[in-house]
């Protein structure tokens, strides 16, 4: 049986396609025959997965502008007439949100509203899959194994902006019947992702790669912090399940025909500490010199999400655990060190290998 048959020849708009997750999404969508239309700002980092793996070659169209510009977003989407939108574009980091809270809220809240409004006005759009985060949950430190019905909130501008985006999404979703608009709006909440091609600052694996490259210490803020780690392809897998579901009409026939929220997280055994990740990556690659620098800002000590709903109702299951995720990630960065011209082929091979396990 063909995986994700509704993706073949579908016109899918991917916002944030120049980013880390967006690049892997494009490789996966291309594998299943989708026509990919990218909308984003230029890559935020140098180097970037977008350039190193030549993501642009996978695209049917490639457009650069800010999703906070509502007029341009609406004009672009209504002219493009995609069948589905995967909304990834965001300011995705906690620490930079303290430096630029206004920009974080503008991108994460109003950028999302702009995409939803454009989708609402474009009859060809059957649905939008919006990507938020596991950090949308109100984490008071007492309960940290969150499911989709738990209260949302935010202790920092990033988390708060994503929780606010979820409220805007819910407002649009609940209003669809009043607008007589037959459209799906799903939300995907994922855990901490790792994988090749992430060059963001203040993220563990990219910082590890930079420390090795420059032979400088790796600054560790909170070595005992526990997170739901998973390879980026596990989350991409979940996004494709939701896209295929709405494009096939299956969502529209369900008990929640206008969409709902979904957690995509690893097995509890893969919710491990930063210390554990550092040990595993050191064994798979080579060890970095560590320097402990306590964080000056609030970061949750423990965070886990419950993906039971996605597993039971969508049949989604991450096909690789943390140990294999570390091996794949180390392979990518080691290839970048020694044979960077092979990164496009390696990214394609890792994507194909992951999805071949679903057959």
Protein backbone atom coordinates (compact mmCIF):
# COMPACT_ATOMS: atom_id res chain seq x y z
CA UNK A 1 0.00 0.00 0.00
CA UNK A 2 1.29 3.46 -0.90
CA UNK A 3 2.05 5.66 2.10
CA UNK A 4 0.31 9.04 2.20
CA UNK A 5 -1.44 8.69 -1.19
CA UNK A 6 -3.25 12.03 -0.83
CA UNK A 7 0.09 13.87 -0.92
CA UNK A 8 0.88 12.81 -4.49
CA UNK A 9 0.51 15.77 -6.87
CA UNK A 10 -0.96 17.94 -4.08
CA UNK A 11 0.06 21.59 -3.98
CA UNK A 12 1.25 22.17 -0.43
CA UNK A 13 2.45 25.51 0.89
CA UNK A 14 5.18 25.14 3.53
CA UNK A 15 5.91 28.24 5.57
CA UNK A 16 9.35 28.27 7.15
CA UNK A 17 10.81 25.99 4.49
CA UNK A 18 14.22 27.67 4.82
CA UNK A 19 14.52 26.50 8.43
CA UNK A 20 15.81 23.28 9.98
CA UNK A 21 12.50 21.39 10.26
CA UNK A 22 11.23 22.95 7.04
CA UNK A 23 14.12 21.51 5.07
CA UNK A 24 13.44 17.97 6.31
CA UNK A 25 9.72 18.44 5.58
CA UNK A 26 10.54 19.33 1.98
CA UNK A 27 12.62 16.17 1.53
CA UNK A 28 9.76 14.06 2.92
CA UNK A 29 7.01 15.75 0.88
CA UNK A 30 9.07 15.41 -2.29
CA UNK A 31 9.50 11.69 -1.60
CA UNK A 32 5.72 11.27 -1.65
CA UNK A 33 5.16 13.28 -4.81
CA UNK A 34 3.83 16.58 -3.46
CA UNK A 35 4.39 19.88 -5.22
CA UNK A 36 6.04 22.06 -2.59
CA UNK A 37 5.64 25.83 -2.45
CA UNK A 38 7.93 27.52 0.06
CA UNK A 39 7.20 30.77 1.88
CA UNK A 40 9.67 32.11 4.44
CA UNK A 41 12.36 34.58 5.32
CA UNK A 42 15.89 33.77 4.09
CA UNK A 43 17.72 31.17 6.21
CA UNK A 44 18.32 32.55 9.69
CA UNK A 45 21.75 30.92 10.06
CA UNK A 46 24.97 30.50 8.14
CA UNK A 47 25.52 27.68 7.39
CA UNK A 48 21.98 26.37 6.88
CA UNK A 49 20.35 23.10 5.90
CA UNK A 50 18.54 24.98 3.14
CA UNK A 51 21.79 25.79 1.33
CA UNK A 52 23.90 22.79 2.34
CA UNK A 53 21.31 20.23 1.19
CA UNK A 54 20.05 22.36 -1.75
CA UNK A 55 16.45 22.35 -0.53
CA UNK A 56 15.48 24.88 -3.20
CA UNK A 57 15.91 22.19 -5.87
CA UNK A 58 12.98 20.30 -4.29
CA UNK A 59 10.55 23.20 -4.62
CA UNK A 60 7.93 24.06 -7.21
CA UNK A 61 8.03 27.68 -6.02
CA UNK A 62 10.20 29.56 -3.54
CA UNK A 63 9.09 32.92 -2.13
CA UNK A 64 10.82 35.04 0.49
CA UNK A 65 8.97 37.52 2.68
CA UNK A 66 7.80 38.01 6.26
CA UNK A 67 4.59 36.26 7.30
CA UNK A 68 3.92 39.21 9.64
CA UNK A 69 3.02 41.22 6.49
CA UNK A 70 -0.66 40.31 6.36
CA UNK A 71 -1.50 41.92 3.02
CA UNK A 72 1.31 40.15 1.21
CA UNK A 73 0.48 36.82 2.87
CA UNK A 74 -3.17 37.02 1.82
CA UNK A 75 -2.31 38.10 -1.73
CA UNK A 76 0.27 35.31 -2.09
CA UNK A 77 -1.91 32.49 -0.76
CA UNK A 78 -5.01 33.51 -2.69
CA UNK A 79 -2.96 33.69 -5.91
CA UNK A 80 -1.12 30.40 -5.27
CA UNK A 81 -4.29 28.42 -4.37
CA UNK A 82 -2.63 25.56 -2.47
CA UNK A 83 -4.65 22.57 -1.32
CA UNK A 84 -3.04 22.50 2.13
CA UNK A 85 -0.72 24.62 4.25
CA UNK A 86 1.91 23.36 6.67
CA UNK A 87 2.68 26.33 8.87
CA UNK A 88 6.16 26.02 10.37
CA UNK A 89 7.42 29.61 10.17
CA UNK A 90 8.16 30.93 13.66
CA UNK A 91 10.60 32.46 16.07
CA UNK A 92 11.38 29.05 17.59
CA UNK A 93 13.73 29.72 20.52
CA UNK A 94 13.19 30.53 24.19
CA UNK A 95 16.29 32.62 24.93
CA UNK A 96 16.01 34.97 21.89
CA UNK A 97 12.39 35.60 22.89
CA UNK A 98 13.68 37.41 25.99
CA UNK A 99 15.76 39.70 23.76
CA UNK A 100 12.95 40.37 21.28
CA UNK A 101 9.55 39.63 22.83
CA UNK A 102 7.75 41.98 20.44
CA UNK A 103 9.16 40.29 17.35
CA UNK A 104 8.44 36.87 18.86
CA UNK A 105 4.77 37.71 19.42
CA UNK A 106 4.43 39.37 16.01
CA UNK A 107 5.78 36.32 14.20
CA UNK A 108 4.29 33.55 16.30
CA UNK A 109 0.85 35.03 16.93
CA UNK A 110 0.06 37.48 14.15
CA UNK A 111 2.03 35.49 11.58
CA UNK A 112 -0.16 32.50 12.40
CA UNK A 113 -3.33 34.62 12.24
CA UNK A 114 -2.24 35.93 8.83
CA UNK A 115 -1.81 32.39 7.50
CA UNK A 116 -5.19 31.30 8.90
CA UNK A 117 -6.94 34.34 7.44
CA UNK A 118 -5.36 33.74 4.04
CA UNK A 119 -6.43 30.09 4.20
CA UNK A 120 -9.97 31.07 5.19
CA UNK A 121 -10.23 33.31 2.13
CA UNK A 122 -8.81 30.72 -0.28
CA UNK A 123 -11.38 28.08 -1.24
CA UNK A 124 -8.78 25.66 -2.59
CA UNK A 125 -7.30 25.20 0.92
CA UNK A 126 -8.74 22.08 2.52
CA UNK A 127 -6.78 22.54 5.70
CA UNK A 128 -3.87 23.95 7.66
CA UNK A 129 -1.51 22.05 9.94
CA UNK A 130 -0.05 24.57 12.36
CA UNK A 131 3.08 23.70 14.33
CA UNK A 132 3.39 24.97 17.88
CA UNK A 133 5.41 23.29 20.66
CA UNK A 134 5.32 21.11 23.75
CA UNK A 135 6.08 24.30 25.68
CA UNK A 136 2.52 25.63 25.20
CA UNK A 137 1.49 23.85 28.39
CA UNK A 138 1.30 25.79 31.66
CA UNK A 139 4.24 24.12 33.40
CA UNK A 140 4.08 24.82 37.13
CA UNK A 141 6.65 22.15 37.95
CA UNK A 142 4.08 19.92 39.64
CA UNK A 143 2.67 18.09 36.63
CA UNK A 144 4.77 17.65 33.51
CA UNK A 145 3.36 14.71 31.56
CA UNK A 146 1.04 16.81 29.46
CA UNK A 147 -1.80 15.69 27.22
CA UNK A 148 -3.84 17.74 24.79
CA UNK A 149 -6.53 18.68 27.30
CA UNK A 150 -4.13 20.24 29.82
CA UNK A 151 -4.13 23.97 30.40
CA UNK A 152 -1.93 26.05 28.12
CA UNK A 153 0.18 29.01 29.19
CA UNK A 154 3.70 30.38 29.10
CA UNK A 155 6.42 31.45 31.53
CA UNK A 156 8.57 33.14 28.87
CA UNK A 157 7.76 35.16 25.73
CA UNK A 158 8.32 32.20 23.40
CA UNK A 159 6.05 29.82 25.31
CA UNK A 160 3.45 32.52 25.86
CA UNK A 161 3.47 33.45 22.18
CA UNK A 162 2.87 29.85 21.16
CA UNK A 163 0.08 29.48 23.74
CA UNK A 164 -1.47 32.69 22.41
CA UNK A 165 -1.18 31.32 18.87
CA UNK A 166 -3.04 28.20 20.03
CA UNK A 167 -5.86 30.40 21.34
CA UNK A 168 -6.05 32.24 18.02
CA UNK A 169 -6.07 28.90 16.18
CA UNK A 170 -8.90 27.65 18.38
CA UNK A 171 -10.85 30.84 17.72
CA UNK A 172 -10.53 30.36 13.97
CA UNK A 173 -11.33 26.65 14.19
CA UNK A 174 -14.51 27.20 16.24
CA UNK A 175 -15.62 29.99 13.89
CA UNK A 176 -15.38 27.92 10.70
CA UNK A 177 -19.04 26.77 10.82
CA UNK A 178 -20.19 30.38 11.24
CA UNK A 179 -18.19 31.31 8.15
CA UNK A 180 -19.63 28.29 6.29
CA UNK A 181 -16.04 27.32 5.61
CA UNK A 182 -15.32 23.62 5.18
CA UNK A 183 -11.69 23.57 6.31
CA UNK A 184 -9.50 21.72 8.82
CA UNK A 185 -7.14 23.41 11.27
CA UNK A 186 -4.96 20.91 13.13
CA UNK A 187 -2.29 21.79 15.66
CA UNK A 188 0.85 19.69 16.17
CA UNK A 189 2.77 19.99 19.43
CA UNK A 190 6.18 18.36 19.38
CA UNK A 191 9.05 17.85 21.77
CA UNK A 192 12.74 18.74 21.52
CA UNK A 193 14.04 17.71 18.11
CA UNK A 194 17.52 16.80 16.98
CA UNK A 195 18.91 15.97 13.55
CA UNK A 196 21.38 17.12 10.96
CA UNK A 197 21.32 20.66 9.67
CA UNK A 198 20.24 22.57 12.75
CA UNK A 199 22.51 25.56 13.25
CA UNK A 200 20.38 27.58 15.70
CA UNK A 201 22.03 29.20 18.68
CA UNK A 202 21.28 28.04 22.22
CA UNK A 203 20.37 24.55 21.06
CA UNK A 204 22.32 21.62 22.40
CA UNK A 205 23.42 19.76 19.25
CA UNK A 206 24.27 22.83 17.12
CA UNK A 207 26.19 24.29 20.06
CA UNK A 208 27.99 20.94 20.42
CA UNK A 209 28.96 20.99 16.73
CA UNK A 210 30.24 24.56 16.99
CA UNK A 211 32.27 23.75 20.12
CA UNK A 212 33.99 20.85 18.36
CA UNK A 213 34.64 22.89 15.22
CA UNK A 214 36.15 25.83 17.11
CA UNK A 215 37.80 23.73 19.84
CA UNK A 216 36.09 25.83 22.51
CA UNK A 217 34.14 24.74 25.60
CA UNK A 218 30.47 23.85 25.26
CA UNK A 219 28.49 26.00 27.71
CA UNK A 220 25.83 23.96 29.50
CA UNK A 221 23.04 25.81 31.33
CA UNK A 222 21.09 23.02 33.00
CA UNK A 223 22.64 19.54 32.69
CA UNK A 224 19.83 17.84 34.65
CA UNK A 225 16.99 19.31 32.56
CA UNK A 226 14.88 16.53 31.09
CA UNK A 227 13.19 16.87 27.70
CA UNK A 228 11.22 14.67 25.25
CA UNK A 229 14.02 14.23 22.69
CA UNK A 230 13.27 12.84 19.23
CA UNK A 231 14.65 12.95 15.71
CA UNK A 232 13.17 15.62 13.46
CA UNK A 233 11.87 12.92 11.08
CA UNK A 234 9.60 11.55 13.82
CA UNK A 235 7.83 14.89 13.92
CA UNK A 236 7.83 15.23 10.13
CA UNK A 237 6.15 11.82 10.07
CA UNK A 238 3.37 13.20 12.28
CA UNK A 239 2.92 16.25 10.07
CA UNK A 240 2.56 14.08 6.96
CA UNK A 241 -0.03 11.91 8.70
CA UNK A 242 -2.14 15.01 9.42
CA UNK A 243 -1.70 16.43 5.91
CA UNK A 244 -2.65 13.14 4.27
CA UNK A 245 -5.63 12.79 6.60
CA UNK A 246 -7.12 16.18 5.76
CA UNK A 247 -6.37 15.98 2.03
CA UNK A 248 -8.03 12.56 1.83
CA UNK A 249 -11.15 13.84 3.59
CA UNK A 250 -10.67 11.50 6.54
CA UNK A 251 -10.45 14.35 9.08
CA UNK A 252 -13.67 15.88 7.76
CA UNK A 253 -15.48 12.57 8.43
CA UNK A 254 -14.16 12.29 11.99
CA UNK A 255 -15.70 13.37 15.30
CA UNK A 256 -13.69 16.63 15.02
CA UNK A 257 -14.21 17.60 11.36
CA UNK A 258 -12.64 21.05 11.76
CA UNK A 259 -9.44 19.75 13.35
CA UNK A 260 -7.88 19.48 16.80
CA UNK A 261 -4.58 19.48 18.71
CA UNK A 262 -2.12 16.57 18.64
CA UNK A 263 0.96 15.76 20.72
CA UNK A 264 3.86 14.06 18.94
CA UNK A 265 6.38 12.90 21.50
CA UNK A 266 8.80 10.04 22.14
CA UNK A 267 8.49 7.07 24.45
CA UNK A 268 8.96 7.94 28.14
CA UNK A 269 12.33 6.16 28.05
CA UNK A 270 13.56 8.78 25.56
CA UNK A 271 12.70 11.67 27.88
CA UNK A 272 16.22 11.98 29.27
CA UNK A 273 18.49 14.64 30.72
CA UNK A 274 20.88 16.92 28.89
CA UNK A 275 23.72 15.03 30.61
CA UNK A 276 22.51 11.77 29.07
CA UNK A 277 22.29 13.29 25.59
CA UNK A 278 25.82 14.66 25.92
CA UNK A 279 27.12 11.24 26.89
CA UNK A 280 25.40 9.58 23.95
CA UNK A 281 26.56 12.14 21.38
CA UNK A 282 30.11 11.90 22.78
CA UNK A 283 30.11 8.14 22.20
CA UNK A 284 28.75 8.52 18.64
CA UNK A 285 30.96 11.43 17.62
CA UNK A 286 33.71 12.76 19.85
CA UNK A 287 33.55 14.41 23.23
CA UNK A 288 33.40 18.17 23.72
CA UNK A 289 34.89 20.10 26.61
CA UNK A 290 32.03 21.14 28.88
CA UNK A 291 31.67 24.26 31.00
CA UNK A 292 28.70 24.71 33.34
CA UNK A 293 27.10 28.16 33.17
CA UNK A 294 23.84 28.40 35.15
CA UNK A 295 20.99 29.97 33.20
CA UNK A 296 20.00 33.51 34.13
CA UNK A 297 16.45 33.01 32.83
CA UNK A 298 13.66 30.58 33.68
CA UNK A 299 13.70 27.20 31.96
CA UNK A 300 11.49 24.28 32.95
CA UNK A 301 13.49 21.53 34.64
CA UNK A 302 11.32 18.65 33.46
CA UNK A 303 8.97 18.36 30.50
CA UNK A 304 7.25 15.35 28.96
CA UNK A 305 4.27 15.10 26.62
CA UNK A 306 1.80 12.28 26.25
CA UNK A 307 1.38 11.17 22.62
CA UNK A 308 -1.16 8.42 23.37
CA UNK A 309 -3.88 10.18 21.37
CA UNK A 310 -1.79 10.33 18.16
CA UNK A 311 -0.68 6.73 18.60
CA UNK A 312 -4.19 5.39 19.14
CA UNK A 313 -6.20 7.53 16.72
CA UNK A 314 -3.69 8.30 13.96
CA UNK A 315 -1.58 5.16 14.11
CA UNK A 316 1.48 7.39 14.45
CA UNK A 317 4.48 5.89 16.17
CA UNK A 318 8.06 7.24 16.15
CA UNK A 319 10.10 4.68 14.24
CA UNK A 320 13.44 5.48 15.83
CA UNK A 321 14.44 6.02 19.44
CA UNK A 322 16.95 8.35 20.98
CA UNK A 323 20.00 6.16 20.39
CA UNK A 324 19.40 5.87 16.64
CA UNK A 325 18.46 9.55 16.50
CA UNK A 326 21.85 10.41 17.98
CA UNK A 327 23.65 8.16 15.48
CA UNK A 328 21.85 9.76 12.51
CA UNK A 329 22.55 13.24 13.83
CA UNK A 330 26.24 12.50 14.41
CA UNK A 331 26.51 11.01 10.90
CA UNK A 332 25.11 14.22 9.39
CA UNK A 333 27.47 16.57 11.24
CA UNK A 334 30.50 14.37 10.64
CA UNK A 335 29.65 14.39 6.92
CA UNK A 336 29.46 18.18 7.09
CA UNK A 337 32.99 18.19 8.50
CA UNK A 338 34.54 15.91 5.90
CA UNK A 339 32.29 15.68 2.80
CA UNK A 340 29.82 18.59 2.79
CA UNK A 341 29.04 18.03 -0.89
CA UNK A 342 27.26 14.79 0.13
CA UNK A 343 24.77 16.42 2.52
CA UNK A 344 21.87 16.60 0.07
CA UNK A 345 22.20 12.90 -0.76
CA UNK A 346 22.63 12.00 2.91
CA UNK A 347 19.52 13.95 3.95
CA UNK A 348 17.54 12.23 1.21
CA UNK A 349 18.86 8.81 2.23
CA UNK A 350 18.06 9.29 5.91
CA UNK A 351 14.54 10.45 4.98
CA UNK A 352 13.93 7.47 2.71
CA UNK A 353 15.31 5.07 5.32
CA UNK A 354 12.99 6.40 8.00
CA UNK A 355 9.81 6.15 5.91
CA UNK A 356 10.75 2.75 4.51
CA UNK A 357 10.20 1.43 8.04
CA UNK A 358 6.50 2.38 7.79
CA UNK A 359 5.80 0.11 4.82
